C-alpha cells in the first residue's frame, strides 16, 4: 500500500481513506469538539497523505496518518487559540462514563476536553484510539517515558477534575 501511495496511485489513496477516514474524523472531533472542523481537517489530512507519501520513511502507515492529523489539529489550536474545548458528550461511538459512586455519571469526554493540549493529545491517542505508547511516541516525536508520563498526568488530572463534580453533585444545600 505504501509503495502504491508513493507512486501517487489514487486507488491506493481511496483504499487508505476507506480504512482510516472514520477513525481520523472521530479522533479530530474529540480533539477539536467541532464536527465541521474535524471534517475539514480529515480532508486536509488525506490531501497531505497523498502529496507527502513520496517522502514517507516509515512502515507504520496508520501512525503516520495520525501524526499528520495531530499536526493539523495542533496548527488549528494555535490559529484559533483554543483554551477549553466544547464538552464532547456526543462523540460518535463513545459512551464511556465515569461512575461517581453517588448515582451520577460524567462523560469521560467532558473530562478529557478540559485537559491542556499537551496532555489531551496523548490521552486521546491512548485511551480513545488504543495506540501503544511506542506509536504515540513516534507520532509525537517524544521519548516513550515522556509519553507515559503525559498519559499518567492526564489520567490523574481527569480524576482530579471529576472531584469537584462529585462534591457539587453530592451537596444539595
N, C-alpha and C. Protein backbone atom coordinates (compact mmCIF):
# COMPACT_ATOMS: atom_id res chain seq x y z
N UNK A 1 0.83 -1.19 0.00
CA UNK A 1 0.00 0.00 0.00
C UNK A 1 0.87 1.26 0.00
N UNK A 2 1.91 1.26 0.85
CA UNK A 2 2.79 2.42 0.95
C UNK A 2 3.47 2.69 -0.39
N UNK A 3 3.93 1.63 -1.04
CA UNK A 3 4.60 1.81 -2.33
C UNK A 3 3.63 2.37 -3.36
N UNK A 4 2.40 1.92 -3.33
CA UNK A 4 1.39 2.46 -4.26
C UNK A 4 1.11 3.92 -3.97
N UNK A 5 1.05 4.29 -2.68
CA UNK A 5 0.85 5.70 -2.32
C UNK A 5 2.02 6.55 -2.81
N UNK A 6 3.23 6.04 -2.65
CA UNK A 6 4.41 6.78 -3.09
C UNK A 6 4.38 7.06 -4.58
N UNK A 7 3.73 6.19 -5.33
CA UNK A 7 3.62 6.36 -6.79
C UNK A 7 2.39 7.16 -7.18
N UNK A 8 1.74 7.80 -6.19
CA UNK A 8 0.55 8.64 -6.41
C UNK A 8 -0.62 7.86 -7.02
N UNK A 9 -0.76 6.62 -6.58
CA UNK A 9 -1.86 5.76 -7.03
C UNK A 9 -3.14 6.20 -6.31
N UNK A 10 -4.07 6.80 -7.07
CA UNK A 10 -5.30 7.32 -6.46
C UNK A 10 -6.16 6.21 -5.88
N UNK A 11 -6.13 5.02 -6.47
CA UNK A 11 -6.90 3.90 -5.93
C UNK A 11 -6.36 3.52 -4.55
N UNK A 12 -5.05 3.60 -4.37
CA UNK A 12 -4.45 3.32 -3.06
C UNK A 12 -4.91 4.36 -2.04
N UNK A 13 -4.96 5.62 -2.46
CA UNK A 13 -5.44 6.67 -1.56
C UNK A 13 -6.88 6.39 -1.15
N UNK A 14 -7.72 6.00 -2.09
CA UNK A 14 -9.12 5.69 -1.77
C UNK A 14 -9.21 4.53 -0.78
N UNK A 15 -8.36 3.52 -0.95
CA UNK A 15 -8.34 2.39 -0.02
C UNK A 15 -7.93 2.84 1.38
N UNK A 16 -6.89 3.65 1.44
CA UNK A 16 -6.41 4.15 2.72
C UNK A 16 -7.50 5.00 3.38
N UNK A 17 -8.16 5.84 2.60
CA UNK A 17 -9.24 6.66 3.14
C UNK A 17 -10.37 5.80 3.68
N UNK A 18 -10.72 4.75 2.96
CA UNK A 18 -11.81 3.90 3.44
C UNK A 18 -11.41 3.17 4.73
N UNK A 19 -10.11 2.90 4.88
CA UNK A 19 -9.63 2.22 6.08
C UNK A 19 -9.57 3.16 7.29
N UNK A 20 -9.20 4.41 7.07
CA UNK A 20 -8.87 5.29 8.20
C UNK A 20 -9.72 6.55 8.33
N UNK A 21 -10.55 6.86 7.37
CA UNK A 21 -11.27 8.15 7.40
C UNK A 21 -12.12 8.30 8.67
N UNK A 22 -12.90 7.30 9.02
CA UNK A 22 -13.76 7.42 10.20
C UNK A 22 -12.94 7.55 11.48
N UNK A 23 -11.86 6.78 11.58
CA UNK A 23 -11.01 6.86 12.77
C UNK A 23 -10.39 8.25 12.90
N UNK A 24 -9.90 8.78 11.77
CA UNK A 24 -9.28 10.11 11.79
C UNK A 24 -10.32 11.17 12.13
N UNK A 25 -11.49 11.07 11.52
CA UNK A 25 -12.54 12.05 11.80
C UNK A 25 -12.92 12.02 13.28
N UNK A 26 -13.15 10.83 13.83
CA UNK A 26 -13.52 10.72 15.25
C UNK A 26 -12.42 11.28 16.14
N UNK A 27 -11.18 10.96 15.82
CA UNK A 27 -10.03 11.47 16.57
C UNK A 27 -10.00 13.00 16.54
N UNK A 28 -10.15 13.56 15.35
CA UNK A 28 -10.11 15.02 15.22
C UNK A 28 -11.32 15.67 15.87
N UNK A 29 -12.45 14.98 15.87
CA UNK A 29 -13.64 15.52 16.53
C UNK A 29 -13.42 15.58 18.04
N UNK A 30 -12.82 14.53 18.58
CA UNK A 30 -12.51 14.53 20.01
C UNK A 30 -11.51 15.65 20.32
N UNK A 31 -10.55 15.85 19.44
CA UNK A 31 -9.53 16.87 19.65
C UNK A 31 -10.10 18.28 19.58
N UNK A 32 -11.02 18.52 18.65
CA UNK A 32 -11.49 19.89 18.40
C UNK A 32 -12.86 20.18 18.99
N UNK A 33 -13.69 19.15 19.17
CA UNK A 33 -15.05 19.37 19.65
C UNK A 33 -15.96 19.99 18.61
N UNK A 34 -15.54 19.97 17.34
CA UNK A 34 -16.29 20.62 16.28
C UNK A 34 -16.34 19.69 15.07
N UNK A 35 -17.54 19.23 14.73
CA UNK A 35 -17.68 18.25 13.65
C UNK A 35 -17.26 18.81 12.29
N UNK A 36 -17.64 20.05 12.00
CA UNK A 36 -17.26 20.65 10.71
C UNK A 36 -15.75 20.82 10.60
N UNK A 37 -15.14 21.29 11.67
CA UNK A 37 -13.69 21.45 11.67
C UNK A 37 -13.01 20.10 11.55
N UNK A 38 -13.53 19.09 12.24
CA UNK A 38 -12.97 17.74 12.16
C UNK A 38 -13.04 17.22 10.73
N UNK A 39 -14.16 17.46 10.06
CA UNK A 39 -14.31 17.03 8.66
C UNK A 39 -13.30 17.73 7.77
N UNK A 40 -13.15 19.03 7.96
CA UNK A 40 -12.18 19.80 7.17
C UNK A 40 -10.76 19.30 7.40
N UNK A 41 -10.41 19.08 8.66
CA UNK A 41 -9.07 18.59 8.97
C UNK A 41 -8.85 17.16 8.47
N UNK A 42 -9.91 16.36 8.47
CA UNK A 42 -9.81 15.00 7.93
C UNK A 42 -9.47 15.06 6.45
N UNK A 43 -10.18 15.91 5.73
CA UNK A 43 -9.90 16.06 4.29
C UNK A 43 -8.47 16.56 4.08
N UNK A 44 -8.05 17.54 4.88
CA UNK A 44 -6.69 18.06 4.77
C UNK A 44 -5.66 16.97 5.07
N UNK A 45 -5.99 16.11 6.02
CA UNK A 45 -5.08 15.01 6.36
C UNK A 45 -4.82 14.13 5.14
N UNK A 46 -5.88 13.75 4.44
CA UNK A 46 -5.70 12.84 3.31
C UNK A 46 -5.10 13.53 2.09
N UNK A 47 -5.30 14.82 1.97
CA UNK A 47 -4.60 15.57 0.91
C UNK A 47 -3.10 15.51 1.19
N UNK A 48 -2.73 15.73 2.46
CA UNK A 48 -1.31 15.66 2.82
C UNK A 48 -0.77 14.24 2.65
N UNK A 49 -1.57 13.24 3.00
CA UNK A 49 -1.14 11.85 2.80
C UNK A 49 -0.77 11.63 1.34
N UNK A 50 -1.63 12.09 0.46
CA UNK A 50 -1.41 11.90 -0.99
C UNK A 50 -0.13 12.61 -1.44
N UNK A 51 0.02 13.86 -1.05
CA UNK A 51 1.15 14.64 -1.56
C UNK A 51 2.46 14.39 -0.83
N UNK A 52 2.41 13.89 0.39
CA UNK A 52 3.63 13.66 1.16
C UNK A 52 4.06 12.19 1.16
N UNK A 53 3.28 11.32 0.55
CA UNK A 53 3.60 9.89 0.57
C UNK A 53 4.97 9.60 -0.03
N UNK A 54 5.38 10.39 -1.00
CA UNK A 54 6.69 10.17 -1.62
C UNK A 54 7.84 10.28 -0.66
N UNK A 55 7.66 11.04 0.41
CA UNK A 55 8.74 11.22 1.39
C UNK A 55 8.55 10.35 2.63
N UNK A 56 7.58 9.45 2.60
CA UNK A 56 7.29 8.56 3.73
C UNK A 56 8.48 7.66 4.01
N UNK A 57 8.94 7.66 5.28
CA UNK A 57 10.12 6.88 5.64
C UNK A 57 9.81 5.81 6.69
N UNK A 58 8.55 5.59 6.96
CA UNK A 58 8.17 4.60 7.97
C UNK A 58 7.30 3.53 7.33
N UNK A 59 7.20 2.40 8.00
CA UNK A 59 6.31 1.34 7.52
C UNK A 59 5.00 1.36 8.31
N UNK A 60 4.89 2.28 9.25
CA UNK A 60 3.70 2.39 10.10
C UNK A 60 2.75 3.42 9.52
N UNK A 61 1.99 3.01 8.52
CA UNK A 61 1.11 3.92 7.80
C UNK A 61 0.09 4.58 8.71
N UNK A 62 -0.56 3.81 9.56
CA UNK A 62 -1.59 4.35 10.44
C UNK A 62 -1.01 5.42 11.36
N UNK A 63 0.14 5.13 11.97
CA UNK A 63 0.77 6.10 12.86
C UNK A 63 1.14 7.36 12.10
N UNK A 64 1.62 7.23 10.88
CA UNK A 64 2.00 8.37 10.06
C UNK A 64 0.78 9.24 9.75
N UNK A 65 -0.34 8.61 9.40
CA UNK A 65 -1.56 9.35 9.10
C UNK A 65 -2.06 10.08 10.35
N UNK A 66 -2.03 9.42 11.50
CA UNK A 66 -2.45 10.08 12.73
C UNK A 66 -1.50 11.22 13.09
N UNK A 67 -0.23 11.08 12.77
CA UNK A 67 0.73 12.16 13.02
C UNK A 67 0.35 13.38 12.19
N UNK A 68 0.01 13.17 10.95
CA UNK A 68 -0.42 14.28 10.08
C UNK A 68 -1.66 14.94 10.67
N UNK A 69 -2.64 14.13 11.07
CA UNK A 69 -3.88 14.67 11.66
C UNK A 69 -3.58 15.45 12.94
N UNK A 70 -2.69 14.91 13.76
CA UNK A 70 -2.32 15.57 15.02
C UNK A 70 -1.67 16.92 14.74
N UNK A 71 -0.77 16.95 13.77
CA UNK A 71 -0.10 18.21 13.44
C UNK A 71 -1.08 19.24 12.89
N UNK A 72 -2.03 18.79 12.10
CA UNK A 72 -3.06 19.72 11.59
C UNK A 72 -3.91 20.26 12.73
N UNK A 73 -4.28 19.39 13.67
CA UNK A 73 -5.08 19.84 14.82
C UNK A 73 -4.27 20.84 15.65
N UNK A 74 -2.99 20.56 15.87
CA UNK A 74 -2.14 21.48 16.63
C UNK A 74 -2.08 22.84 15.94
N UNK A 75 -1.92 22.82 14.63
CA UNK A 75 -1.88 24.08 13.88
C UNK A 75 -3.19 24.84 14.07
N UNK A 76 -4.28 24.12 14.05
CA UNK A 76 -5.58 24.75 14.24
C UNK A 76 -5.71 25.31 15.65
N UNK A 77 -5.20 24.59 16.64
CA UNK A 77 -5.23 25.10 18.02
C UNK A 77 -4.47 26.42 18.11
N UNK A 78 -3.30 26.44 17.48
CA UNK A 78 -2.51 27.66 17.52
C UNK A 78 -3.24 28.80 16.82
N UNK A 79 -3.86 28.50 15.68
CA UNK A 79 -4.57 29.54 14.93
C UNK A 79 -5.73 30.10 15.73
N UNK A 80 -6.51 29.22 16.29
CA UNK A 80 -7.73 29.65 16.96
C UNK A 80 -7.54 29.83 18.46
N UNK A 81 -6.37 29.47 18.97
CA UNK A 81 -6.05 29.61 20.39
C UNK A 81 -7.14 29.03 21.28
N UNK A 82 -7.47 27.77 21.00
CA UNK A 82 -8.44 27.09 21.84
C UNK A 82 -7.85 26.94 23.24
N UNK A 83 -8.59 27.28 24.24
CA UNK A 83 -8.16 27.05 25.62
C UNK A 83 -8.90 25.82 26.15
N UNK A 84 -10.23 25.94 26.22
CA UNK A 84 -11.04 24.81 26.64
C UNK A 84 -12.02 24.51 25.51
N UNK A 85 -12.05 23.27 25.11
CA UNK A 85 -12.92 22.90 24.01
C UNK A 85 -14.32 22.58 24.51
N UNK A 86 -15.23 22.50 23.58
CA UNK A 86 -16.61 22.20 23.91
C UNK A 86 -16.73 20.86 24.61
N UNK A 87 -17.73 20.67 25.45
CA UNK A 87 -17.96 19.34 26.00
C UNK A 87 -18.19 18.35 24.86
N UNK A 88 -17.68 17.17 25.06
CA UNK A 88 -17.71 16.19 23.97
C UNK A 88 -18.64 15.03 24.27
N UNK A 89 -19.78 15.30 24.86
CA UNK A 89 -20.70 14.24 25.26
C UNK A 89 -21.27 13.49 24.07
N UNK A 90 -21.28 14.10 22.88
CA UNK A 90 -21.91 13.44 21.74
C UNK A 90 -20.89 12.93 20.73
N UNK A 91 -19.71 12.54 21.21
CA UNK A 91 -18.70 11.97 20.32
C UNK A 91 -19.21 10.65 19.76
N UNK A 92 -19.11 10.46 18.43
CA UNK A 92 -19.57 9.21 17.84
C UNK A 92 -18.87 7.99 18.45
N UNK A 93 -19.60 6.93 18.63
CA UNK A 93 -19.06 5.66 19.13
C UNK A 93 -18.43 5.80 20.51
N UNK A 94 -18.86 6.73 21.29
CA UNK A 94 -18.24 6.91 22.59
C UNK A 94 -19.32 7.01 23.65
N UNK A 95 -19.35 6.04 24.55
CA UNK A 95 -20.35 6.09 25.62
C UNK A 95 -19.72 5.74 26.96
N UNK A 96 -18.39 5.95 27.05
CA UNK A 96 -17.70 5.67 28.30
C UNK A 96 -18.09 6.73 29.33
N UNK A 97 -18.35 6.29 30.53
CA UNK A 97 -18.71 7.23 31.60
C UNK A 97 -17.90 6.92 32.84
N UNK A 98 -17.77 7.92 33.68
CA UNK A 98 -17.09 7.77 34.97
C UNK A 98 -18.19 7.71 36.02
N UNK A 99 -18.21 6.64 36.77
CA UNK A 99 -19.23 6.46 37.80
C UNK A 99 -18.76 7.15 39.07
N UNK A 100 -19.55 8.08 39.58
CA UNK A 100 -19.12 8.87 40.74
C UNK A 100 -19.37 8.17 42.05
N UNK A 101 -20.18 7.15 42.07
CA UNK A 101 -20.45 6.46 43.31
C UNK A 101 -21.68 7.00 44.01
N UNK A 102 -22.26 8.09 43.51
CA UNK A 102 -23.47 8.64 44.12
C UNK A 102 -24.61 8.64 43.11
N UNK A 103 -24.50 7.71 42.16
CA UNK A 103 -25.56 7.58 41.17
C UNK A 103 -25.45 8.58 40.04
N UNK A 104 -24.36 9.33 39.99
CA UNK A 104 -24.18 10.33 38.94
C UNK A 104 -23.03 9.89 38.05
N UNK A 105 -23.18 10.08 36.75
CA UNK A 105 -22.10 9.75 35.84
C UNK A 105 -21.66 11.01 35.11
N UNK A 106 -20.40 11.01 34.72
CA UNK A 106 -19.82 12.13 33.99
C UNK A 106 -19.27 11.55 32.69
N UNK A 107 -19.54 12.20 31.58
CA UNK A 107 -18.97 11.74 30.32
C UNK A 107 -17.45 11.91 30.38
N UNK A 108 -16.74 10.85 30.07
CA UNK A 108 -15.29 10.89 30.09
C UNK A 108 -14.78 11.97 29.12
N UNK A 109 -15.45 12.11 27.98
CA UNK A 109 -15.01 13.09 27.00
C UNK A 109 -15.07 14.51 27.54
N UNK A 110 -16.02 14.79 28.44
CA UNK A 110 -16.08 16.12 29.04
C UNK A 110 -14.84 16.36 29.91
N UNK A 111 -14.43 15.33 30.60
CA UNK A 111 -13.23 15.45 31.43
C UNK A 111 -11.98 15.58 30.57
N UNK A 112 -11.92 14.82 29.48
CA UNK A 112 -10.78 14.89 28.57
C UNK A 112 -10.70 16.27 27.93
N UNK A 113 -11.84 16.84 27.57
CA UNK A 113 -11.84 18.14 26.89
C UNK A 113 -11.28 19.24 27.77
N UNK A 114 -11.28 19.05 29.08
CA UNK A 114 -10.76 20.06 30.00
C UNK A 114 -9.24 20.00 30.13
N UNK A 115 -8.62 18.95 29.60
CA UNK A 115 -7.17 18.82 29.70
C UNK A 115 -6.46 19.82 28.79
N UNK A 116 -5.28 20.29 29.19
CA UNK A 116 -4.49 21.11 28.27
C UNK A 116 -4.05 20.25 27.08
N UNK A 117 -3.79 20.89 25.96
CA UNK A 117 -3.46 20.18 24.72
C UNK A 117 -2.33 19.16 24.90
N UNK A 118 -1.27 19.53 25.64
CA UNK A 118 -0.11 18.63 25.76
C UNK A 118 -0.47 17.33 26.48
N UNK A 119 -1.52 17.34 27.30
CA UNK A 119 -1.98 16.11 27.95
C UNK A 119 -3.12 15.47 27.17
N UNK A 120 -3.99 16.30 26.60
CA UNK A 120 -5.17 15.79 25.89
C UNK A 120 -4.78 14.91 24.71
N UNK A 121 -3.80 15.35 23.91
CA UNK A 121 -3.43 14.59 22.71
C UNK A 121 -2.98 13.17 23.06
N UNK A 122 -2.00 12.98 23.96
CA UNK A 122 -1.60 11.59 24.25
C UNK A 122 -2.69 10.78 24.94
N UNK A 123 -3.51 11.41 25.80
CA UNK A 123 -4.59 10.67 26.47
C UNK A 123 -5.61 10.20 25.44
N UNK A 124 -5.99 11.07 24.52
CA UNK A 124 -6.96 10.68 23.48
C UNK A 124 -6.38 9.55 22.63
N UNK A 125 -5.11 9.67 22.26
CA UNK A 125 -4.49 8.64 21.43
C UNK A 125 -4.45 7.30 22.16
N UNK A 126 -4.13 7.33 23.46
CA UNK A 126 -4.01 6.09 24.23
C UNK A 126 -5.37 5.52 24.59
N UNK A 127 -6.23 6.34 25.17
CA UNK A 127 -7.48 5.85 25.74
C UNK A 127 -8.62 5.70 24.73
N UNK A 128 -8.70 6.60 23.76
CA UNK A 128 -9.82 6.54 22.81
C UNK A 128 -9.44 5.90 21.49
N UNK A 129 -8.14 5.93 21.13
CA UNK A 129 -7.72 5.36 19.86
C UNK A 129 -6.86 4.12 20.03
N UNK A 130 -6.59 3.73 21.28
CA UNK A 130 -5.87 2.49 21.59
C UNK A 130 -4.50 2.38 20.94
N UNK A 131 -3.80 3.51 20.83
CA UNK A 131 -2.43 3.46 20.34
C UNK A 131 -1.53 2.94 21.45
N UNK A 132 -0.45 2.27 21.07
CA UNK A 132 0.55 1.85 22.05
C UNK A 132 1.39 3.08 22.42
N UNK A 133 2.09 3.00 23.54
CA UNK A 133 2.97 4.10 23.93
C UNK A 133 4.03 4.33 22.85
N UNK A 134 4.51 3.25 22.24
CA UNK A 134 5.52 3.36 21.20
C UNK A 134 4.98 4.12 20.00
N UNK A 135 3.75 3.83 19.59
CA UNK A 135 3.14 4.53 18.46
C UNK A 135 2.95 6.01 18.77
N UNK A 136 2.49 6.30 19.98
CA UNK A 136 2.29 7.69 20.38
C UNK A 136 3.63 8.43 20.39
N UNK A 137 4.66 7.78 20.91
CA UNK A 137 5.99 8.39 20.94
C UNK A 137 6.47 8.72 19.53
N UNK A 138 6.23 7.81 18.60
CA UNK A 138 6.64 8.04 17.21
C UNK A 138 5.86 9.19 16.60
N UNK A 139 4.56 9.22 16.82
CA UNK A 139 3.71 10.27 16.25
C UNK A 139 4.08 11.64 16.81
N UNK A 140 4.27 11.71 18.12
CA UNK A 140 4.52 12.99 18.78
C UNK A 140 6.00 13.36 18.82
N UNK A 141 6.86 12.42 18.39
CA UNK A 141 8.31 12.62 18.42
C UNK A 141 8.78 12.96 19.83
N UNK A 142 8.36 12.12 20.77
CA UNK A 142 8.74 12.26 22.17
C UNK A 142 9.23 10.90 22.66
N UNK A 143 10.10 10.90 23.66
CA UNK A 143 10.54 9.62 24.24
C UNK A 143 9.35 8.88 24.87
N UNK A 144 9.41 7.56 24.87
CA UNK A 144 8.33 6.74 25.43
C UNK A 144 8.06 7.11 26.88
N UNK A 145 9.11 7.34 27.66
CA UNK A 145 8.94 7.72 29.06
C UNK A 145 8.14 9.01 29.21
N UNK A 146 8.40 9.96 28.33
CA UNK A 146 7.65 11.22 28.36
C UNK A 146 6.19 10.98 28.04
N UNK A 147 5.94 10.15 27.04
CA UNK A 147 4.56 9.84 26.66
C UNK A 147 3.83 9.17 27.82
N UNK A 148 4.48 8.20 28.45
CA UNK A 148 3.85 7.52 29.59
C UNK A 148 3.54 8.52 30.70
N UNK A 149 4.47 9.44 30.94
CA UNK A 149 4.27 10.46 31.96
C UNK A 149 3.10 11.37 31.61
N UNK A 150 3.02 11.79 30.35
CA UNK A 150 1.92 12.67 29.92
C UNK A 150 0.57 11.97 30.06
N UNK A 151 0.51 10.69 29.67
CA UNK A 151 -0.74 9.94 29.80
C UNK A 151 -1.10 9.79 31.28
N UNK A 152 -0.11 9.46 32.11
CA UNK A 152 -0.36 9.33 33.55
C UNK A 152 -0.86 10.65 34.13
N UNK A 153 -0.19 11.76 33.79
CA UNK A 153 -0.61 13.07 34.29
C UNK A 153 -2.01 13.42 33.80
N UNK A 154 -2.30 13.08 32.55
CA UNK A 154 -3.64 13.34 32.01
C UNK A 154 -4.70 12.55 32.75
N UNK A 155 -4.41 11.27 32.98
CA UNK A 155 -5.36 10.43 33.74
C UNK A 155 -5.58 10.98 35.15
N UNK A 156 -4.47 11.40 35.78
CA UNK A 156 -4.55 11.95 37.14
C UNK A 156 -5.40 13.22 37.14
N UNK A 157 -5.17 14.08 36.14
CA UNK A 157 -5.93 15.33 36.08
C UNK A 157 -7.41 15.06 35.82
N UNK A 158 -7.71 14.05 35.03
CA UNK A 158 -9.11 13.68 34.80
C UNK A 158 -9.76 13.29 36.13
N UNK A 159 -9.05 12.48 36.91
CA UNK A 159 -9.59 12.08 38.22
C UNK A 159 -9.79 13.30 39.12
N UNK A 160 -8.79 14.19 39.12
CA UNK A 160 -8.90 15.40 39.95
C UNK A 160 -10.04 16.29 39.48
N UNK A 161 -10.20 16.42 38.17
CA UNK A 161 -11.27 17.27 37.62
C UNK A 161 -12.65 16.70 37.93
N UNK A 162 -12.72 15.40 38.15
CA UNK A 162 -14.02 14.80 38.46
C UNK A 162 -14.41 15.04 39.91
N UNK A 163 -13.46 15.35 40.78
CA UNK A 163 -13.74 15.54 42.19
C UNK A 163 -14.69 16.71 42.48
N UNK A 164 -14.50 17.91 41.87
CA UNK A 164 -15.47 18.99 42.16
C UNK A 164 -16.89 18.62 41.75
N UNK A 165 -17.01 17.86 40.68
CA UNK A 165 -18.35 17.43 40.25
C UNK A 165 -18.93 16.51 41.30
N UNK A 166 -18.09 15.63 41.85
CA UNK A 166 -18.56 14.74 42.89
C UNK A 166 -19.04 15.55 44.10
N UNK A 167 -18.24 16.53 44.50
CA UNK A 167 -18.60 17.34 45.65
C UNK A 167 -19.85 18.18 45.38
N UNK A 168 -19.92 18.80 44.22
CA UNK A 168 -21.09 19.61 43.89
C UNK A 168 -22.34 18.76 43.72
N UNK A 169 -22.14 17.56 43.15
CA UNK A 169 -23.28 16.68 42.94
C UNK A 169 -23.80 16.10 44.22
N UNK A 170 -22.94 16.04 45.24
CA UNK A 170 -23.34 15.42 46.49
C UNK A 170 -23.90 16.39 47.52
N UNK A 171 -23.81 17.69 47.24
CA UNK A 171 -24.32 18.66 48.21
C UNK A 171 -25.56 19.33 47.66
N UNK A 172 -26.58 19.36 48.44
CA UNK A 172 -27.84 19.95 47.99
C UNK A 172 -28.24 21.08 48.93
N UNK A 173 -27.29 21.72 49.62
CA UNK A 173 -27.56 22.89 50.42
C UNK A 173 -27.98 22.55 51.75
